[in-house]
């Protein structure tokens, strides 16, 4: 489990993380979202002991990462796939990581096979594409078979097959009961991958919720189709609903839920052919939620 408690991190006069608190529980994929400069990478660096907290705590399995004797056996992380010496061979890179944590070389071969790099295990990393480096970073995260995994933008550089692969991988890891935290800018991918979302802006928590709950908070109304749209419009307006015609002869209704729409139509003998609640996409909900929290904003044209 990952626990962040009132975490604050300052770099000189810059407040990167501001009294941030959240919990990532086992058995779920938690998406870690926020605009550039929101504090996501800083939070993950503090969790991994790469930066110290100014105040508060960032704990893994109830303790600080720095106190773990063999950390790769408990926590696996991918922060920067490019942080590998280009002159090293893939197998050797993982080999020294394994030895430092008491992990056998058989496991090195296993994870290279798992990420699809067995065929280039003896190749130097300097000749790897961005996608191959990303896979190598994921292999390093998996090396100790840890119960907690943190991935920062794991699909960077991956082709569509690779994106699908990492999506299935992180979901399978969570299904095994592991704790999985994934930072990403790709809202569509998060909608397919994550169970829960932690959204931050300017170092502060904005939302800690499920994907469905977040989309429902920004519900766009109810799409309704009827062979008598004019009559239905009058009835629903009288009931307090906002009604707008949309292309194709349908109506978008706000201010009334599905039951109220059905009851009003039935009371006046108006048939309904479709009644569909319409929630915002995750990207739409995210953009509304983080409005005003971006570090850099473009002026409208």
C-alpha atoms as a PDB file:
ATOM      1  CA  UNK A   1       0.000   0.000   0.000  1.00  0.00           C
ATOM      2  CA  UNK A   2       1.085   3.584  -0.675  1.00  0.00           C
ATOM      3  CA  UNK A   3       0.253   6.312   1.859  1.00  0.00           C
ATOM      4  CA  UNK A   4       0.914  10.012   1.377  1.00  0.00           C
ATOM      5  CA  UNK A   5       0.144  12.031   4.514  1.00  0.00           C
ATOM      6  CA  UNK A   6       0.161  15.823   4.531  1.00  0.00           C
ATOM      7  CA  UNK A   7       3.192  15.760   2.234  1.00  0.00           C
ATOM      8  CA  UNK A   8       4.842  19.098   1.540  1.00  0.00           C
ATOM      9  CA  UNK A   9       7.918  19.580  -0.628  1.00  0.00           C
ATOM     10  CA  UNK A  10       9.677  22.872  -1.305  1.00  0.00           C
ATOM     11  CA  UNK A  11      12.575  23.560  -3.623  1.00  0.00           C
ATOM     12  CA  UNK A  12      13.893  26.864  -2.323  1.00  0.00           C
ATOM     13  CA  UNK A  13      11.027  29.308  -2.746  1.00  0.00           C
ATOM     14  CA  UNK A  14       9.017  26.957  -4.967  1.00  0.00           C
ATOM     15  CA  UNK A  15       6.208  24.953  -3.372  1.00  0.00           C
ATOM     16  CA  UNK A  16       6.007  21.764  -5.437  1.00  0.00           C
ATOM     17  CA  UNK A  17       3.709  19.700  -3.186  1.00  0.00           C
ATOM     18  CA  UNK A  18       1.335  21.276  -0.684  1.00  0.00           C
ATOM     19  CA  UNK A  19      -0.046  19.166   2.208  1.00  0.00           C
ATOM     20  CA  UNK A  20      -0.969  16.336  -0.138  1.00  0.00           C
ATOM     21  CA  UNK A  21      -2.711  13.242   1.239  1.00  0.00           C
ATOM     22  CA  UNK A  22      -3.983  10.110  -0.508  1.00  0.00           C
ATOM     23  CA  UNK A  23      -3.864   6.310  -0.244  1.00  0.00           C
ATOM     24  CA  UNK A  24      -3.298   3.770  -3.019  1.00  0.00           C
ATOM     25  CA  UNK A  25      -4.710   0.385  -2.022  1.00  0.00           C
ATOM     26  CA  UNK A  26      -3.801  -3.092  -3.287  1.00  0.00           C
ATOM     27  CA  UNK A  27      -5.855  -4.717  -6.020  1.00  0.00           C
ATOM     28  CA  UNK A  28      -6.563  -1.571  -8.040  1.00  0.00           C
ATOM     29  CA  UNK A  29      -4.878   0.480 -10.737  1.00  0.00           C
ATOM     30  CA  UNK A  30      -4.769   4.073  -9.506  1.00  0.00           C
ATOM     31  CA  UNK A  31      -4.199   6.774 -12.088  1.00  0.00           C
ATOM     32  CA  UNK A  32      -2.139   9.742 -10.874  1.00  0.00           C
ATOM     33  CA  UNK A  33      -3.197  12.768 -12.899  1.00  0.00           C
ATOM     34  CA  UNK A  34      -2.489  16.465 -13.036  1.00  0.00           C
ATOM     35  CA  UNK A  35      -1.203  19.212 -15.348  1.00  0.00           C
ATOM     36  CA  UNK A  36       2.515  19.744 -15.934  1.00  0.00           C
ATOM     37  CA  UNK A  37       4.043  21.120 -12.756  1.00  0.00           C
ATOM     38  CA  UNK A  38       1.263  19.723 -10.570  1.00  0.00           C
ATOM     39  CA  UNK A  39       3.703  17.788  -8.370  1.00  0.00           C
ATOM     40  CA  UNK A  40       3.201  14.225  -9.623  1.00  0.00           C
ATOM     41  CA  UNK A  41       6.854  13.423 -10.338  1.00  0.00           C
ATOM     42  CA  UNK A  42       7.960  15.144  -7.132  1.00  0.00           C
ATOM     43  CA  UNK A  43       5.542  13.036  -5.097  1.00  0.00           C
ATOM     44  CA  UNK A  44       6.816   9.845  -6.706  1.00  0.00           C
ATOM     45  CA  UNK A  45      10.442  10.881  -6.124  1.00  0.00           C
ATOM     46  CA  UNK A  46       9.721  11.451  -2.439  1.00  0.00           C
ATOM     47  CA  UNK A  47       7.977   8.072  -2.214  1.00  0.00           C
ATOM     48  CA  UNK A  48      11.105   6.460  -3.692  1.00  0.00           C
ATOM     49  CA  UNK A  49      13.511   8.304  -1.391  1.00  0.00           C
ATOM     50  CA  UNK A  50      15.083  10.287  -4.230  1.00  0.00           C
ATOM     51  CA  UNK A  51      13.988  13.556  -2.622  1.00  0.00           C
ATOM     52  CA  UNK A  52      13.296  14.277   1.023  1.00  0.00           C
ATOM     53  CA  UNK A  53      10.000  15.654   2.237  1.00  0.00           C
ATOM     54  CA  UNK A  54       9.937  19.160   3.677  1.00  0.00           C
ATOM     55  CA  UNK A  55       7.177  17.927   5.984  1.00  0.00           C
ATOM     56  CA  UNK A  56       4.645  15.118   6.111  1.00  0.00           C
ATOM     57  CA  UNK A  57       5.181  11.494   5.107  1.00  0.00           C
ATOM     58  CA  UNK A  58       5.294   9.335   1.987  1.00  0.00           C
ATOM     59  CA  UNK A  59       5.162   5.656   2.956  1.00  0.00           C
ATOM     60  CA  UNK A  60       5.302   2.311   1.185  1.00  0.00           C
ATOM     61  CA  UNK A  61       3.872  -0.653   3.098  1.00  0.00           C
ATOM     62  CA  UNK A  62       3.854   1.459   6.243  1.00  0.00           C
ATOM     63  CA  UNK A  63       7.495   2.571   6.129  1.00  0.00           C
ATOM     64  CA  UNK A  64       9.936   4.830   4.317  1.00  0.00           C
ATOM     65  CA  UNK A  65      11.528   3.526   1.140  1.00  0.00           C
ATOM     66  CA  UNK A  66      15.014   4.375   2.438  1.00  0.00           C
ATOM     67  CA  UNK A  67      14.505   1.958   5.332  1.00  0.00           C
ATOM     68  CA  UNK A  68      13.896  -1.043   3.067  1.00  0.00           C
ATOM     69  CA  UNK A  69      16.816  -3.511   3.073  1.00  0.00           C
ATOM     70  CA  UNK A  70      16.126  -4.864  -0.407  1.00  0.00           C
ATOM     71  CA  UNK A  71      13.774  -2.282  -1.892  1.00  0.00           C
ATOM     72  CA  UNK A  72      13.316  -3.865  -5.332  1.00  0.00           C
ATOM     73  CA  UNK A  73      11.682  -6.868  -3.679  1.00  0.00           C
ATOM     74  CA  UNK A  74       8.968  -4.586  -2.283  1.00  0.00           C
ATOM     75  CA  UNK A  75       8.733  -1.659  -4.720  1.00  0.00           C
ATOM     76  CA  UNK A  76       9.223  -1.500  -8.468  1.00  0.00           C
ATOM     77  CA  UNK A  77       9.306   1.834 -10.267  1.00  0.00           C
ATOM     78  CA  UNK A  78       9.722   3.359 -13.705  1.00  0.00           C
ATOM     79  CA  UNK A  79      10.432   7.083 -13.602  1.00  0.00           C
ATOM     80  CA  UNK A  80      12.803   7.769 -16.505  1.00  0.00           C
ATOM     81  CA  UNK A  81      13.390   5.064 -19.107  1.00  0.00           C
ATOM     82  CA  UNK A  82      16.277   7.074 -20.531  1.00  0.00           C
ATOM     83  CA  UNK A  83      18.310   6.902 -17.310  1.00  0.00           C
ATOM     84  CA  UNK A  84      20.402   3.922 -18.482  1.00  0.00           C
ATOM     85  CA  UNK A  85      24.027   4.032 -19.641  1.00  0.00           C
ATOM     86  CA  UNK A  86      23.945   3.511 -23.403  1.00  0.00           C
ATOM     87  CA  UNK A  87      27.069   1.346 -23.340  1.00  0.00           C
ATOM     88  CA  UNK A  88      25.492  -1.321 -21.145  1.00  0.00           C
ATOM     89  CA  UNK A  89      23.819  -4.403 -22.548  1.00  0.00           C
ATOM     90  CA  UNK A  90      20.209  -4.930 -21.452  1.00  0.00           C
ATOM     91  CA  UNK A  91      20.999  -8.160 -19.596  1.00  0.00           C
ATOM     92  CA  UNK A  92      23.958  -6.594 -17.786  1.00  0.00           C
ATOM     93  CA  UNK A  93      21.945  -3.534 -16.764  1.00  0.00           C
ATOM     94  CA  UNK A  94      19.320  -5.712 -15.125  1.00  0.00           C
ATOM     95  CA  UNK A  95      21.995  -8.053 -13.814  1.00  0.00           C
ATOM     96  CA  UNK A  96      23.681  -5.486 -11.580  1.00  0.00           C
ATOM     97  CA  UNK A  97      20.317  -4.289 -10.312  1.00  0.00           C
ATOM     98  CA  UNK A  98      19.450  -7.894  -9.481  1.00  0.00           C
ATOM     99  CA  UNK A  99      22.716  -8.547  -7.637  1.00  0.00           C
ATOM    100  CA  UNK A 100      22.287  -5.396  -5.553  1.00  0.00           C
ATOM    101  CA  UNK A 101      18.986  -6.774  -4.243  1.00  0.00           C
ATOM    102  CA  UNK A 102      19.850 -10.460  -3.913  1.00  0.00           C
ATOM    103  CA  UNK A 103      17.935 -11.497  -7.039  1.00  0.00           C
ATOM    104  CA  UNK A 104      19.187 -14.358  -9.220  1.00  0.00           C
ATOM    105  CA  UNK A 105      20.088 -14.076 -12.910  1.00  0.00           C
ATOM    106  CA  UNK A 106      17.273 -16.467 -13.832  1.00  0.00           C
ATOM    107  CA  UNK A 107      14.835 -13.715 -12.898  1.00  0.00           C
ATOM    108  CA  UNK A 108      16.660 -11.322 -15.253  1.00  0.00           C
ATOM    109  CA  UNK A 109      15.986 -13.660 -18.151  1.00  0.00           C
ATOM    110  CA  UNK A 110      12.353 -14.059 -17.061  1.00  0.00           C
ATOM    111  CA  UNK A 111      11.554 -10.343 -17.035  1.00  0.00           C
ATOM    112  CA  UNK A 112      13.326  -9.731 -20.351  1.00  0.00           C
ATOM    113  CA  UNK A 113      11.110 -12.428 -21.832  1.00  0.00           C
ATOM    114  CA  UNK A 114       8.052 -10.929 -20.150  1.00  0.00           C
ATOM    115  CA  UNK A 115       8.609  -7.490 -21.689  1.00  0.00           C
ATOM    116  CA  UNK A 116       9.544  -8.806 -25.120  1.00  0.00           C
ATOM    117  CA  UNK A 117      13.266  -8.007 -25.036  1.00  0.00           C
ATOM    118  CA  UNK A 118      14.734 -11.524 -24.797  1.00  0.00           C
ATOM    119  CA  UNK A 119      15.933 -11.294 -28.400  1.00  0.00           C
ATOM    120  CA  UNK A 120      17.997  -8.161 -27.706  1.00  0.00           C
ATOM    121  CA  UNK A 121      19.220  -9.044 -24.211  1.00  0.00           C
ATOM    122  CA  UNK A 122      22.875  -8.857 -25.309  1.00  0.00           C
ATOM    123  CA  UNK A 123      22.452  -5.645 -27.318  1.00  0.00           C
ATOM    124  CA  UNK A 124      23.718  -2.312 -26.018  1.00  0.00           C
ATOM    125  CA  UNK A 125      21.004   0.011 -24.736  1.00  0.00           C
ATOM    126  CA  UNK A 126      22.400   2.913 -26.758  1.00  0.00           C
ATOM    127  CA  UNK A 127      20.927   1.343 -29.882  1.00  0.00           C
ATOM    128  CA  UNK A 128      17.464   0.908 -28.379  1.00  0.00           C
ATOM    129  CA  UNK A 129      14.441   2.888 -29.516  1.00  0.00           C
ATOM    130  CA  UNK A 130      12.451   4.878 -26.956  1.00  0.00           C
ATOM    131  CA  UNK A 131       9.872   2.107 -26.847  1.00  0.00           C
ATOM    132  CA  UNK A 132      12.543  -0.537 -26.198  1.00  0.00           C
ATOM    133  CA  UNK A 133      14.040   1.578 -23.414  1.00  0.00           C
ATOM    134  CA  UNK A 134      10.569   1.889 -21.940  1.00  0.00           C
ATOM    135  CA  UNK A 135      10.205  -1.889 -21.931  1.00  0.00           C
ATOM    136  CA  UNK A 136      13.607  -2.234 -20.284  1.00  0.00           C
ATOM    137  CA  UNK A 137      12.543   0.199 -17.567  1.00  0.00           C
ATOM    138  CA  UNK A 138       9.405  -1.838 -16.977  1.00  0.00           C
ATOM    139  CA  UNK A 139      11.528  -4.993 -16.763  1.00  0.00           C
ATOM    140  CA  UNK A 140      13.620  -3.330 -14.056  1.00  0.00           C
ATOM    141  CA  UNK A 141      10.449  -2.436 -12.137  1.00  0.00           C
ATOM    142  CA  UNK A 142       9.280  -6.046 -12.293  1.00  0.00           C
ATOM    143  CA  UNK A 143      12.668  -7.527 -11.420  1.00  0.00           C
ATOM    144  CA  UNK A 144      12.073  -8.096  -7.710  1.00  0.00           C
ATOM    145  CA  UNK A 145       8.478  -9.325  -8.186  1.00  0.00           C
ATOM    146  CA  UNK A 146       7.337  -6.484  -5.893  1.00  0.00           C
ATOM    147  CA  UNK A 147       3.926  -5.946  -4.375  1.00  0.00           C
ATOM    148  CA  UNK A 148       3.986  -2.195  -5.053  1.00  0.00           C
ATOM    149  CA  UNK A 149       4.591  -0.725  -8.509  1.00  0.00           C
ATOM    150  CA  UNK A 150       4.852   2.887  -9.664  1.00  0.00           C
ATOM    151  CA  UNK A 151       4.973   3.855 -13.335  1.00  0.00           C
ATOM    152  CA  UNK A 152       5.507   7.414 -14.606  1.00  0.00           C
ATOM    153  CA  UNK A 153       4.169   7.738 -18.179  1.00  0.00           C
ATOM    154  CA  UNK A 154       4.723   4.026 -18.950  1.00  0.00           C
ATOM    155  CA  UNK A 155       3.367   4.118 -22.524  1.00  0.00           C
ATOM    156  CA  UNK A 156       5.799   6.795 -23.765  1.00  0.00           C
ATOM    157  CA  UNK A 157       7.332   5.653 -27.025  1.00  0.00           C
ATOM    158  CA  UNK A 158       5.258   2.487 -27.316  1.00  0.00           C
ATOM    159  CA  UNK A 159       3.399   1.562 -30.501  1.00  0.00           C
ATOM    160  CA  UNK A 160      -0.314   0.615 -30.324  1.00  0.00           C
ATOM    161  CA  UNK A 161       0.504  -3.029 -29.562  1.00  0.00           C
ATOM    162  CA  UNK A 162       2.857  -1.899 -26.816  1.00  0.00           C
ATOM    163  CA  UNK A 163       0.233   0.424 -25.343  1.00  0.00           C
ATOM    164  CA  UNK A 164      -2.254  -2.451 -25.237  1.00  0.00           C
ATOM    165  CA  UNK A 165       0.391  -4.669 -23.663  1.00  0.00           C
ATOM    166  CA  UNK A 166       1.201  -2.251 -20.821  1.00  0.00           C
ATOM    167  CA  UNK A 167      -2.515  -1.710 -20.219  1.00  0.00           C
ATOM    168  CA  UNK A 168      -3.060  -5.448 -19.831  1.00  0.00           C
ATOM    169  CA  UNK A 169       0.103  -5.779 -17.750  1.00  0.00           C
ATOM    170  CA  UNK A 170      -0.804  -3.180 -15.135  1.00  0.00           C
ATOM    171  CA  UNK A 171      -4.342  -4.506 -14.870  1.00  0.00           C
ATOM    172  CA  UNK A 172      -3.052  -8.051 -14.404  1.00  0.00           C
ATOM    173  CA  UNK A 173      -0.630  -6.872 -11.712  1.00  0.00           C
ATOM    174  CA  UNK A 174      -3.497  -5.242  -9.818  1.00  0.00           C
ATOM    175  CA  UNK A 175      -5.637  -8.360 -10.273  1.00  0.00           C
ATOM    176  CA  UNK A 176      -2.890 -10.302  -8.462  1.00  0.00           C
ATOM    177  CA  UNK A 177      -3.428  -8.035  -5.459  1.00  0.00           C
ATOM    178  CA  UNK A 178      -0.539  -5.644  -6.051  1.00  0.00           C
ATOM    179  CA  UNK A 179      -0.634  -1.898  -5.493  1.00  0.00           C
ATOM    180  CA  UNK A 180      -0.270  -0.079  -8.826  1.00  0.00           C
ATOM    181  CA  UNK A 181       0.143   3.695  -9.286  1.00  0.00           C
ATOM    182  CA  UNK A 182       0.313   5.014 -12.859  1.00  0.00           C
ATOM    183  CA  UNK A 183       1.042   8.636 -13.744  1.00  0.00           C
ATOM    184  CA  UNK A 184      -0.096   9.601 -17.242  1.00  0.00           C
ATOM    185  CA  UNK A 185      -1.217  12.482 -19.439  1.00  0.00           C
ATOM    186  CA  UNK A 186      -3.260  10.193 -21.708  1.00  0.00           C
ATOM    187  CA  UNK A 187      -6.833  10.489 -20.481  1.00  0.00           C
ATOM    188  CA  UNK A 188      -8.198   7.980 -22.977  1.00  0.00           C
ATOM    189  CA  UNK A 189      -5.702   5.399 -21.796  1.00  0.00           C
ATOM    190  CA  UNK A 190      -6.468   6.082 -18.153  1.00  0.00           C
ATOM    191  CA  UNK A 191     -10.172   5.610 -18.863  1.00  0.00           C
ATOM    192  CA  UNK A 192      -9.359   2.111 -20.155  1.00  0.00           C
ATOM    193  CA  UNK A 193      -6.772   1.242 -17.511  1.00  0.00           C
ATOM    194  CA  UNK A 194      -7.447   2.851 -14.125  1.00  0.00           C
ATOM    195  CA  UNK A 195      -9.964   1.886 -11.456  1.00  0.00           C
ATOM    196  CA  UNK A 196      -9.394   4.965  -9.314  1.00  0.00           C
ATOM    197  CA  UNK A 197      -7.961   8.414  -9.924  1.00  0.00           C
ATOM    198  CA  UNK A 198      -5.936  10.770  -7.771  1.00  0.00           C
ATOM    199  CA  UNK A 199      -5.966  14.210  -9.416  1.00  0.00           C
ATOM    200  CA  UNK A 200      -3.689  17.000  -8.198  1.00  0.00           C
ATOM    201  CA  UNK A 201      -3.063  20.583  -9.252  1.00  0.00           C
ATOM    202  CA  UNK A 202      -0.441  23.028  -8.009  1.00  0.00           C
ATOM    203  CA  UNK A 203       0.659  20.421  -5.492  1.00  0.00           C
ATOM    204  CA  UNK A 204      -2.758  20.001  -3.890  1.00  0.00           C
ATOM    205  CA  UNK A 205      -5.330  17.226  -4.037  1.00  0.00           C
ATOM    206  CA  UNK A 206      -8.239  18.030  -6.350  1.00  0.00           C
ATOM    207  CA  UNK A 207     -10.003  14.663  -6.462  1.00  0.00           C
ATOM    208  CA  UNK A 208      -9.628  11.112  -5.141  1.00  0.00           C
ATOM    209  CA  UNK A 209     -12.358   9.111  -6.814  1.00  0.00           C
ATOM    210  CA  UNK A 210     -13.266   6.310  -9.210  1.00  0.00           C
ATOM    211  CA  UNK A 211     -13.242   6.832 -12.973  1.00  0.00           C
ATOM    212  CA  UNK A 212     -17.023   6.414 -13.132  1.00  0.00           C
ATOM    213  CA  UNK A 213     -17.689   8.799 -10.240  1.00  0.00           C
ATOM    214  CA  UNK A 214     -15.536  11.501 -11.826  1.00  0.00           C
ATOM    215  CA  UNK A 215     -17.309  11.258 -15.173  1.00  0.00           C
ATOM    216  CA  UNK A 216     -20.709  11.260 -13.456  1.00  0.00           C
ATOM    217  CA  UNK A 217     -19.839  14.463 -11.605  1.00  0.00           C
ATOM    218  CA  UNK A 218     -19.754  16.178 -14.982  1.00  0.00           C
ATOM    219  CA  UNK A 219     -22.880  14.594 -16.415  1.00  0.00           C
ATOM    220  CA  UNK A 220     -24.022  16.213 -19.663  1.00  0.00           C
ATOM    221  CA  UNK A 221     -27.689  15.405 -19.293  1.00  0.00           C
ATOM    222  CA  UNK A 222     -29.939  12.742 -20.787  1.00  0.00           C
ATOM    223  CA  UNK A 223     -30.309  11.976 -24.484  1.00  0.00           C
ATOM    224  CA  UNK A 224     -33.982  11.356 -25.347  1.00  0.00           C
ATOM    225  CA  UNK A 225     -35.631  10.279 -28.607  1.00  0.00           C
ATOM    226  CA  UNK A 226     -39.374  10.377 -29.249  1.00  0.00           C
ATOM    227  CA  UNK A 227     -41.624  10.467 -32.336  1.00  0.00           C
ATOM    228  CA  UNK A 228     -43.259  13.542 -30.732  1.00  0.00           C
ATOM    229  CA  UNK A 229     -40.259  15.765 -29.871  1.00  0.00           C
ATOM    230  CA  UNK A 230     -42.217  19.039 -29.828  1.00  0.00           C
ATOM    231  CA  UNK A 231     -44.819  17.695 -27.388  1.00  0.00           C
ATOM    232  CA  UNK A 232     -42.113  16.121 -25.237  1.00  0.00           C
ATOM    233  CA  UNK A 233     -40.149  19.385 -25.169  1.00  0.00           C
ATOM    234  CA  UNK A 234     -43.143  21.269 -23.824  1.00  0.00           C
ATOM    235  CA  UNK A 235     -43.883  18.633 -21.186  1.00  0.00           C
ATOM    236  CA  UNK A 236     -40.298  18.412 -19.930  1.00  0.00           C
ATOM    237  CA  UNK A 237     -39.869  22.186 -19.885  1.00  0.00           C
ATOM    238  CA  UNK A 238     -43.025  22.467 -17.798  1.00  0.00           C
ATOM    239  CA  UNK A 239     -41.554  19.897 -15.416  1.00  0.00           C
ATOM    240  CA  UNK A 240     -38.502  22.087 -14.887  1.00  0.00           C
ATOM    241  CA  UNK A 241     -36.116  20.516 -17.382  1.00  0.00           C
ATOM    242  CA  UNK A 242     -33.809  22.254 -19.787  1.00  0.00           C
ATOM    243  CA  UNK A 243     -34.389  20.856 -23.283  1.00  0.00           C
ATOM    244  CA  UNK A 244     -32.188  21.310 -26.336  1.00  0.00           C
ATOM    245  CA  UNK A 245     -32.648  19.774 -29.775  1.00  0.00           C
ATOM    246  CA  UNK A 246     -29.597  17.972 -31.182  1.00  0.00           C
ATOM    247  CA  UNK A 247     -28.915  16.659 -34.709  1.00  0.00           C
ATOM    248  CA  UNK A 248     -30.878  13.552 -35.640  1.00  0.00           C
ATOM    249  CA  UNK A 249     -34.123  14.606 -34.004  1.00  0.00           C
ATOM    250  CA  UNK A 250     -33.044  13.808 -30.438  1.00  0.00           C
ATOM    251  CA  UNK A 251     -33.264  16.005 -27.342  1.00  0.00           C
ATOM    252  CA  UNK A 252     -30.711  16.647 -24.622  1.00  0.00           C
ATOM    253  CA  UNK A 253     -32.405  17.133 -21.259  1.00  0.00           C
ATOM    254  CA  UNK A 254     -30.794  18.641 -18.157  1.00  0.00           C
ATOM    255  CA  UNK A 255     -32.267  19.130 -14.703  1.00  0.00           C
ATOM    256  CA  UNK A 256     -34.332  15.918 -14.809  1.00  0.00           C
ATOM    257  CA  UNK A 257     -33.152  12.368 -14.284  1.00  0.00           C
ATOM    258  CA  UNK A 258     -34.229   9.321 -16.293  1.00  0.00           C
ATOM    259  CA  UNK A 259     -37.090   8.438 -13.947  1.00  0.00           C
ATOM    260  CA  UNK A 260     -38.531  11.971 -13.995  1.00  0.00           C
ATOM    261  CA  UNK A 261     -38.358  12.091 -17.799  1.00  0.00           C
ATOM    262  CA  UNK A 262     -40.095   8.730 -18.108  1.00  0.00           C
ATOM    263  CA  UNK A 263     -42.820   9.662 -15.633  1.00  0.00           C
ATOM    264  CA  UNK A 264     -43.535  12.990 -17.340  1.00  0.00           C
ATOM    265  CA  UNK A 265     -43.721  11.383 -20.790  1.00  0.00           C
ATOM    266  CA  UNK A 266     -45.957   8.554 -19.554  1.00  0.00           C
ATOM    267  CA  UNK A 267     -48.330  10.980 -17.832  1.00  0.00           C
ATOM    268  CA  UNK A 268     -48.981  12.636 -21.196  1.00  0.00           C
ATOM    269  CA  UNK A 269     -48.977   9.475 -23.290  1.00  0.00           C
ATOM    270  CA  UNK A 270     -45.790  10.402 -25.179  1.00  0.00           C
ATOM    271  CA  UNK A 271     -43.762   7.383 -26.345  1.00  0.00           C
ATOM    272  CA  UNK A 272     -40.008   7.281 -25.765  1.00  0.00           C
ATOM    273  CA  UNK A 273     -37.670   5.380 -28.085  1.00  0.00           C
ATOM    274  CA  UNK A 274     -34.443   6.135 -26.223  1.00  0.00           C
ATOM    275  CA  UNK A 275     -33.465   7.536 -22.832  1.00  0.00           C
ATOM    276  CA  UNK A 276     -29.672   7.506 -22.315  1.00  0.00           C
ATOM    277  CA  UNK A 277     -27.764   9.312 -19.540  1.00  0.00           C
ATOM    278  CA  UNK A 278     -24.719  11.037 -21.032  1.00  0.00           C
ATOM    279  CA  UNK A 279     -21.649  11.525 -18.855  1.00  0.00           C
ATOM    280  CA  UNK A 280     -18.616  13.542 -19.853  1.00  0.00           C
ATOM    281  CA  UNK A 281     -15.593  11.669 -21.125  1.00  0.00           C
ATOM    282  CA  UNK A 282     -12.747  11.350 -18.658  1.00  0.00           C
ATOM    283  CA  UNK A 283     -10.794  13.938 -20.648  1.00  0.00           C
ATOM    284  CA  UNK A 284     -13.686  16.432 -20.501  1.00  0.00           C
ATOM    285  CA  UNK A 285     -14.127  15.874 -16.775  1.00  0.00           C
ATOM    286  CA  UNK A 286     -10.385  16.202 -16.174  1.00  0.00           C
ATOM    287  CA  UNK A 287     -10.166  19.454 -18.131  1.00  0.00           C
ATOM    288  CA  UNK A 288     -13.026  20.983 -16.148  1.00  0.00           C
ATOM    289  CA  UNK A 289     -11.656  19.712 -12.854  1.00  0.00           C
ATOM    290  CA  UNK A 290      -8.147  21.073 -13.417  1.00  0.00           C
ATOM    291  CA  UNK A 291      -9.163  24.379 -15.009  1.00  0.00           C
ATOM    292  CA  UNK A 292      -7.097  27.064 -13.338  1.00  0.00           C
ATOM    293  CA  UNK A 293      -4.515  24.569 -12.049  1.00  0.00           C
ATOM    294  CA  UNK A 294      -2.271  24.503 -15.107  1.00  0.00           C
ATOM    295  CA  UNK A 295       1.176  26.036 -14.866  1.00  0.00           C
ATOM    296  CA  UNK A 296       1.043  27.371 -18.424  1.00  0.00           C
ATOM    297  CA  UNK A 297      -2.186  28.439 -20.112  1.00  0.00           C
ATOM    298  CA  UNK A 298      -2.658  29.472 -23.726  1.00  0.00           C
ATOM    299  CA  UNK A 299      -4.749  32.482 -24.604  1.00  0.00           C
ATOM    300  CA  UNK A 300      -7.972  31.779 -26.522  1.00  0.00           C
ATOM    301  CA  UNK A 301      -7.866  32.641 -30.215  1.00  0.00           C
END
